[in-house]
């Protein structure tokens, strides 16, 4: 396998991962809005989703069932962002 072929394959894999992350963000955003409604205080949290890896976004889809308030989401995000950094 030549260098150009390897680079194309790596670019393809990166594109797939970005697409997977965007799909997860879309699903999580819909779940959050369904759970809490549309509130301006959610906007910063929804923006923070962009920084999470797919695995964390998948974890969020399960954690959301335990939350009762928006503060549960913000606390969870704060913890996850500390772990990512």
N, C-alpha and C. Protein backbone atom coordinates (compact mmCIF):
# COMPACT_ATOMS: atom_id res chain seq x y z
N UNK A 1 0.86 -1.17 0.00
CA UNK A 1 0.00 0.00 0.00
C UNK A 1 0.90 1.23 0.00
N UNK A 2 0.64 2.13 -0.93
CA UNK A 2 1.44 3.33 -1.06
C UNK A 2 1.03 4.40 -0.05
N UNK A 3 1.89 5.41 0.09
CA UNK A 3 1.64 6.50 1.04
C UNK A 3 0.35 7.24 0.71
N UNK A 4 0.11 7.50 -0.56
CA UNK A 4 -1.11 8.22 -0.95
C UNK A 4 -2.35 7.42 -0.57
N UNK A 5 -2.28 6.12 -0.76
CA UNK A 5 -3.41 5.26 -0.42
C UNK A 5 -3.65 5.24 1.09
N UNK A 6 -2.57 5.20 1.86
CA UNK A 6 -2.69 5.22 3.32
C UNK A 6 -3.31 6.54 3.77
N UNK A 7 -2.84 7.65 3.19
CA UNK A 7 -3.37 8.96 3.56
C UNK A 7 -4.85 9.08 3.21
N UNK A 8 -5.25 8.55 2.05
CA UNK A 8 -6.66 8.57 1.67
C UNK A 8 -7.50 7.76 2.65
N UNK A 9 -6.97 6.60 3.04
CA UNK A 9 -7.69 5.74 3.97
C UNK A 9 -7.83 6.42 5.33
N UNK A 10 -6.76 7.05 5.80
CA UNK A 10 -6.83 7.77 7.07
C UNK A 10 -7.83 8.92 7.00
N UNK A 11 -7.82 9.64 5.88
CA UNK A 11 -8.78 10.74 5.69
C UNK A 11 -10.21 10.23 5.67
N UNK A 12 -10.41 9.08 5.04
CA UNK A 12 -11.73 8.46 5.00
C UNK A 12 -12.19 8.08 6.40
N UNK A 13 -11.29 7.47 7.18
CA UNK A 13 -11.62 7.07 8.56
C UNK A 13 -11.96 8.29 9.41
N UNK A 14 -11.17 9.36 9.24
CA UNK A 14 -11.43 10.59 10.00
C UNK A 14 -12.78 11.17 9.62
N UNK A 15 -13.11 11.14 8.34
CA UNK A 15 -14.41 11.64 7.88
C UNK A 15 -15.56 10.83 8.45
N UNK A 16 -15.38 9.50 8.51
CA UNK A 16 -16.41 8.65 9.09
C UNK A 16 -16.61 8.96 10.57
N UNK A 17 -15.51 9.16 11.28
CA UNK A 17 -15.60 9.46 12.72
C UNK A 17 -16.29 10.81 12.95
N UNK A 18 -15.97 11.81 12.12
CA UNK A 18 -16.62 13.11 12.26
C UNK A 18 -18.11 13.00 11.96
N UNK A 19 -18.46 12.21 10.95
CA UNK A 19 -19.87 12.00 10.63
C UNK A 19 -20.60 11.31 11.77
N UNK A 20 -19.94 10.35 12.38
CA UNK A 20 -20.54 9.63 13.51
C UNK A 20 -20.74 10.57 14.69
N UNK A 21 -19.74 11.44 14.93
CA UNK A 21 -19.87 12.40 16.03
C UNK A 21 -21.02 13.36 15.78
N UNK A 22 -21.15 13.86 14.55
CA UNK A 22 -22.23 14.80 14.24
C UNK A 22 -23.60 14.13 14.40
N UNK A 23 -23.70 12.87 14.00
CA UNK A 23 -24.96 12.15 14.16
C UNK A 23 -25.30 11.97 15.64
N UNK A 24 -24.29 11.65 16.45
CA UNK A 24 -24.50 11.52 17.90
C UNK A 24 -24.94 12.85 18.51
N UNK A 25 -24.31 13.93 18.09
CA UNK A 25 -24.67 15.26 18.60
C UNK A 25 -26.12 15.58 18.23
N UNK A 26 -26.51 15.26 17.03
CA UNK A 26 -27.88 15.50 16.60
C UNK A 26 -28.88 14.72 17.46
N UNK A 27 -28.60 13.46 17.69
CA UNK A 27 -29.49 12.62 18.50
C UNK A 27 -29.54 13.12 19.93
N UNK A 28 -28.39 13.41 20.51
CA UNK A 28 -28.33 13.88 21.90
C UNK A 28 -29.06 15.21 22.05
N UNK A 29 -28.89 16.09 21.09
CA UNK A 29 -29.58 17.38 21.13
C UNK A 29 -31.09 17.18 21.12
N UNK A 30 -31.56 16.28 20.27
CA UNK A 30 -33.00 15.99 20.24
C UNK A 30 -33.48 15.41 21.56
N UNK A 31 -32.70 14.49 22.14
CA UNK A 31 -33.09 13.91 23.43
C UNK A 31 -33.15 14.97 24.53
N UNK A 32 -32.16 15.84 24.56
CA UNK A 32 -32.11 16.89 25.59
C UNK A 32 -33.29 17.83 25.43
N UNK A 33 -33.58 18.22 24.21
CA UNK A 33 -34.71 19.14 23.99
C UNK A 33 -36.03 18.46 24.29
N UNK A 34 -36.11 17.18 24.04
CA UNK A 34 -37.33 16.44 24.37
C UNK A 34 -37.50 16.34 25.88
N UNK A 35 -36.39 16.14 26.58
CA UNK A 35 -36.43 15.99 28.04
C UNK A 35 -36.72 17.31 28.75
N UNK A 36 -36.03 18.39 28.33
CA UNK A 36 -36.11 19.65 29.06
C UNK A 36 -36.85 20.76 28.32
N UNK A 37 -37.20 20.56 27.07
CA UNK A 37 -37.83 21.60 26.29
C UNK A 37 -36.78 22.51 25.68
N UNK A 38 -37.24 23.57 25.06
CA UNK A 38 -36.31 24.51 24.42
C UNK A 38 -36.16 25.70 25.36
N UNK A 39 -34.98 25.80 25.95
CA UNK A 39 -34.68 26.87 26.90
C UNK A 39 -33.34 27.50 26.53
N UNK A 40 -33.24 28.84 26.59
CA UNK A 40 -31.99 29.51 26.27
C UNK A 40 -30.81 29.03 27.14
N UNK A 41 -31.08 28.64 28.39
CA UNK A 41 -29.97 28.22 29.26
C UNK A 41 -29.35 26.89 28.81
N UNK A 42 -30.01 26.19 27.90
CA UNK A 42 -29.44 24.94 27.36
C UNK A 42 -28.39 25.19 26.27
N UNK A 43 -28.46 26.35 25.63
CA UNK A 43 -27.58 26.63 24.49
C UNK A 43 -26.10 26.43 24.78
N UNK A 44 -25.55 26.94 25.90
CA UNK A 44 -24.12 26.70 26.16
C UNK A 44 -23.80 25.21 26.31
N UNK A 45 -24.68 24.48 26.93
CA UNK A 45 -24.46 23.04 27.10
C UNK A 45 -24.49 22.33 25.75
N UNK A 46 -25.41 22.72 24.89
CA UNK A 46 -25.50 22.10 23.58
C UNK A 46 -24.26 22.40 22.75
N UNK A 47 -23.69 23.58 22.92
CA UNK A 47 -22.44 23.91 22.22
C UNK A 47 -21.28 23.06 22.74
N UNK A 48 -21.28 22.76 24.02
CA UNK A 48 -20.21 21.95 24.60
C UNK A 48 -20.22 20.51 24.07
N UNK A 49 -21.35 20.06 23.58
CA UNK A 49 -21.42 18.72 23.02
C UNK A 49 -20.43 18.54 21.88
N UNK A 50 -20.14 19.61 21.16
CA UNK A 50 -19.22 19.56 20.03
C UNK A 50 -17.82 19.11 20.44
N UNK A 51 -17.49 19.30 21.70
CA UNK A 51 -16.12 18.98 22.16
C UNK A 51 -15.99 17.56 22.69
N UNK A 52 -17.10 16.86 22.80
CA UNK A 52 -17.07 15.51 23.38
C UNK A 52 -16.81 14.45 22.32
N UNK A 53 -16.01 13.44 22.66
CA UNK A 53 -15.83 12.32 21.74
C UNK A 53 -17.11 11.47 21.67
N UNK A 54 -17.21 10.66 20.65
CA UNK A 54 -18.39 9.83 20.42
C UNK A 54 -18.72 8.98 21.64
N UNK A 55 -17.72 8.41 22.28
CA UNK A 55 -17.97 7.53 23.43
C UNK A 55 -18.69 8.27 24.56
N UNK A 56 -18.30 9.52 24.81
CA UNK A 56 -18.96 10.33 25.85
C UNK A 56 -20.38 10.67 25.44
N UNK A 57 -20.58 10.97 24.17
CA UNK A 57 -21.93 11.27 23.68
C UNK A 57 -22.84 10.06 23.83
N UNK A 58 -22.29 8.89 23.57
CA UNK A 58 -23.07 7.66 23.76
C UNK A 58 -23.42 7.46 25.23
N UNK A 59 -22.47 7.77 26.12
CA UNK A 59 -22.73 7.68 27.56
C UNK A 59 -23.86 8.62 27.96
N UNK A 60 -23.87 9.80 27.35
CA UNK A 60 -24.90 10.79 27.66
C UNK A 60 -26.30 10.27 27.31
N UNK A 61 -26.41 9.50 26.23
CA UNK A 61 -27.73 9.00 25.84
C UNK A 61 -28.33 8.08 26.90
N UNK A 62 -27.48 7.47 27.70
CA UNK A 62 -27.98 6.64 28.80
C UNK A 62 -28.19 7.47 30.07
N UNK A 63 -27.28 8.38 30.34
CA UNK A 63 -27.35 9.18 31.57
C UNK A 63 -28.57 10.08 31.60
N UNK A 64 -29.02 10.53 30.45
CA UNK A 64 -30.13 11.48 30.38
C UNK A 64 -31.40 10.93 31.06
N UNK A 65 -31.56 9.62 31.10
CA UNK A 65 -32.75 9.05 31.72
C UNK A 65 -32.78 9.24 33.23
N UNK A 66 -31.62 9.49 33.84
CA UNK A 66 -31.54 9.68 35.28
C UNK A 66 -31.69 11.14 35.70
N UNK A 67 -31.62 12.05 34.75
CA UNK A 67 -31.65 13.47 35.07
C UNK A 67 -33.08 13.96 35.26
N UNK A 68 -33.19 14.95 36.15
CA UNK A 68 -34.50 15.57 36.39
C UNK A 68 -34.49 17.06 36.04
N UNK A 69 -33.30 17.67 36.09
CA UNK A 69 -33.19 19.12 35.87
C UNK A 69 -32.03 19.42 34.93
N UNK A 70 -32.07 20.62 34.35
CA UNK A 70 -30.99 21.06 33.46
C UNK A 70 -29.66 21.06 34.21
N UNK A 71 -29.68 21.33 35.50
CA UNK A 71 -28.43 21.34 36.27
C UNK A 71 -27.77 19.96 36.30
N UNK A 72 -28.56 18.89 36.15
CA UNK A 72 -27.99 17.55 36.07
C UNK A 72 -27.14 17.42 34.80
N UNK A 73 -27.64 17.97 33.72
CA UNK A 73 -26.90 17.97 32.45
C UNK A 73 -25.63 18.79 32.57
N UNK A 74 -25.73 19.99 33.11
CA UNK A 74 -24.55 20.86 33.19
C UNK A 74 -23.49 20.25 34.11
N UNK A 75 -23.91 19.64 35.18
CA UNK A 75 -22.96 18.97 36.07
C UNK A 75 -22.28 17.80 35.39
N UNK A 76 -23.04 17.01 34.65
CA UNK A 76 -22.49 15.87 33.93
C UNK A 76 -21.48 16.35 32.89
N UNK A 77 -21.85 17.39 32.13
CA UNK A 77 -20.94 17.93 31.12
C UNK A 77 -19.65 18.46 31.74
N UNK A 78 -19.78 19.16 32.85
CA UNK A 78 -18.60 19.70 33.54
C UNK A 78 -17.65 18.56 33.89
N UNK A 79 -18.17 17.48 34.43
CA UNK A 79 -17.36 16.33 34.81
C UNK A 79 -16.70 15.70 33.59
N UNK A 80 -17.44 15.55 32.50
CA UNK A 80 -16.91 14.91 31.31
C UNK A 80 -15.81 15.76 30.67
N UNK A 81 -16.00 17.08 30.67
CA UNK A 81 -15.00 17.96 30.08
C UNK A 81 -13.72 17.97 30.90
N UNK A 82 -13.83 17.79 32.21
CA UNK A 82 -12.64 17.67 33.04
C UNK A 82 -11.86 16.40 32.69
N UNK A 83 -12.59 15.32 32.42
CA UNK A 83 -11.96 14.05 32.07
C UNK A 83 -11.32 14.09 30.68
N UNK A 84 -11.91 14.85 29.75
CA UNK A 84 -11.39 14.93 28.39
C UNK A 84 -10.10 15.75 28.34
N UNK A 85 -10.05 16.82 29.15
CA UNK A 85 -8.86 17.72 29.11
C UNK A 85 -7.67 17.08 29.64
